[in-house]
Amino acid sequence: MAKVWLDKLAADSNFSVDYIQSTDRINDAFLSNYQLFIQLDYPPYAWKEKAVKAFEKYIDEGKGGWIGFHHATLLGEFDGYAMWNWFWNFMGGSAIKTT
């Protein structure tokens, strides 16, 4: 449902949306093409290390914005992946950490 809405909004407002299914392509060069990173129902764990560092830099250096929906803010240790402490701080450090 969100993709249908985003695609219509993009068409009506003259911008484009690219969808990725994993963090494999995320690096500095990839992120430099975007003004906004929308994390749609993709949890903040299991990210590849290169993607983590590039995303942190992208946000910390003000190179773009971020909007997260649904599982995008799921915090804690899940499926054997450790807590992403930078992301926890990015979310305001207000959620209960399960680590």
Protein backbone atom coordinates (compact mmCIF):
# COMPACT_ATOMS: atom_id res chain seq x y z
CA MET A 1 0.00 0.00 0.00
CA ALA A 2 2.77 2.46 0.87
CA LYS A 3 4.57 1.83 -2.43
CA VAL A 4 1.39 2.62 -4.38
CA TRP A 5 1.00 5.87 -2.44
CA LEU A 6 4.68 6.80 -2.81
CA ASP A 7 4.67 6.09 -6.55
CA LYS A 8 1.56 8.25 -7.03
CA LEU A 9 3.01 11.06 -4.91
CA ALA A 10 6.26 10.90 -6.89
CA ALA A 11 4.43 11.06 -10.22
CA ASP A 12 2.21 13.93 -9.07
CA SER A 13 5.09 15.89 -7.53
CA ASN A 14 7.80 15.25 -10.14
CA PHE A 15 10.30 13.20 -8.15
CA SER A 16 11.35 9.57 -8.29
CA VAL A 17 11.48 6.76 -5.78
CA ASP A 18 13.94 3.86 -5.90
CA TYR A 19 13.29 0.70 -3.90
CA ILE A 20 15.96 -1.62 -2.55
CA GLN A 21 15.44 -4.92 -0.73
CA SER A 22 18.79 -5.14 1.09
CA THR A 23 21.53 -2.82 2.27
CA ASP A 24 24.12 -4.32 -0.09
CA ARG A 25 24.16 -1.27 -2.39
CA ILE A 26 24.23 1.37 0.36
CA ASN A 27 27.52 3.24 0.49
CA ASP A 28 28.64 6.89 0.28
CA ALA A 29 28.31 7.05 -3.51
CA PHE A 30 24.84 5.46 -3.49
CA LEU A 31 23.50 7.79 -0.80
CA SER A 32 24.93 10.87 -2.53
CA ASN A 33 22.18 10.45 -5.15
CA TYR A 34 19.37 10.97 -2.62
CA GLN A 35 18.00 13.88 -0.61
CA LEU A 36 15.78 11.63 1.49
CA PHE A 37 16.12 8.04 2.65
CA ILE A 38 12.76 6.42 3.39
CA GLN A 39 13.11 3.26 5.42
CA LEU A 40 9.87 1.44 4.73
CA ASP A 41 9.24 -1.49 7.06
CA TYR A 42 12.91 -2.55 6.99
CA PRO A 43 14.34 -3.05 10.49
CA PRO A 44 17.57 -1.35 11.59
CA TYR A 45 19.47 -4.58 12.12
CA ALA A 46 21.18 -6.98 9.74
CA TRP A 47 22.60 -4.00 7.82
CA LYS A 48 26.00 -4.63 6.22
CA GLU A 49 28.82 -2.77 7.99
CA LYS A 50 29.58 -0.62 4.91
CA ALA A 51 25.93 0.47 4.79
CA VAL A 52 25.88 1.27 8.51
CA LYS A 53 28.92 3.55 8.24
CA ALA A 54 27.65 5.26 5.07
CA PHE A 55 24.19 5.86 6.57
CA GLU A 56 25.64 7.24 9.81
CA LYS A 57 27.85 9.62 7.81
CA TYR A 58 24.93 10.62 5.55
CA ILE A 59 22.85 11.65 8.56
CA ASP A 60 25.64 13.02 10.79
CA GLU A 61 26.96 15.26 8.01
CA GLY A 62 23.48 16.48 7.04
CA LYS A 63 23.71 15.10 3.51
CA GLY A 64 20.07 13.98 3.52
CA GLY A 65 17.01 13.30 5.57
CA TRP A 66 15.38 10.15 6.87
CA ILE A 67 11.81 8.98 7.38
CA GLY A 68 11.09 5.58 8.86
CA PHE A 69 7.86 3.59 8.81
CA HIS A 70 6.72 0.61 10.85
CA HIS A 71 9.62 -1.80 11.54
CA ALA A 72 12.15 0.88 10.58
CA THR A 73 12.49 1.80 14.24
CA LEU A 74 12.55 -1.72 15.69
CA LEU A 75 15.28 -1.56 18.33
CA GLY A 76 17.04 -4.29 20.26
CA GLU A 77 18.84 -7.54 19.55
CA PHE A 78 17.00 -9.66 17.01
CA ASP A 79 17.82 -12.82 15.09
CA GLY A 80 21.35 -12.84 16.49
CA TYR A 81 22.12 -9.26 15.42
CA ALA A 82 23.44 -6.83 18.02
CA MET A 83 21.80 -3.53 18.88
CA TRP A 84 22.85 -0.67 16.57
CA ASN A 85 23.66 1.87 19.27
CA TRP A 86 24.08 4.79 16.88
CA PHE A 87 20.56 4.13 15.54
CA TRP A 88 19.19 3.88 19.08
CA ASN A 89 20.65 7.34 19.78
CA PHE A 90 19.32 8.58 16.43
CA MET A 91 15.84 7.56 17.60
CA GLY A 92 16.36 9.74 20.65
CA GLY A 93 17.51 6.99 22.99
CA SER A 94 13.99 6.86 24.34
CA ALA A 95 13.14 3.23 23.61
CA ILE A 96 14.04 0.48 26.03
CA LYS A 97 17.18 -1.28 24.93
CA THR A 98 17.09 -5.03 25.14
CA THR A 99 20.88 -5.39 25.31
